[in-house]
């Protein structure tokens, strides 16, 4: 009899989490290329200082402009105005990319690493461990015991179905029309089967174990005591 493990890693969820991280990393590195084209420093320590907010970046641009102008000596007023406009044009042109980088740096769930080529990424070993944990569902001893009891039912049903086939009996399974008591065989050798709902069909699903793990806590398993009392009241 197959047993339920104490935990289960949903590989589809894990890969979805990692794919989302890879997409974020790709977007950040595309944004870095825009900054590099404007000669904005993109080393990680500097990025953490000047990308923390729009105010921080504006202050950095302002200081860079003052440093540049201070080295030129006398500058006619129109030229001074033109220089200022050029510096702050960089602020306007890079707004979206700076937002992308700022979110990446401030909302980092895992350690950020900068490679030799200047690209940024997460520490993938750390990220994979985190994704595995987020995609892991743990089952209590009661859950494992519950699955074991249902597995015994499945095993017994499979034996029943095999016996029915060997002895040419109608399978004990769901029929679309409920039994009224007035129904009778329409031909010799055509027995009336019991209508019991769809629980046997569920138990006999080839993927019953996966179905159980997915639905435990949603459509089966432990119930809130208050909800259980409400269901009992409805039955009464």
Foldseek 3Di string as FASTA:
>chain_A
DDFDDQKDFDVVQLVVQVVVQVVLLVLLQVLVVLCVVVVHDQAPVVLVQQLLDLVSVVVVLVVVLCVVVVVPPDDDPVVNVVSVVVSCVSSVVSVVSSVSSNCCVVVPPADWDADPVRGIHGPVVVSSVVSRVVRMDGHDPVLRVVVVVLVVVLVVLVVVVVVCVVVVHDRQAADPDADDVPDDDPDPPDDDHHHDPHPNVLSNPPVNVVVSVVCDVPPDHDDDPVVVVVVVVVVD
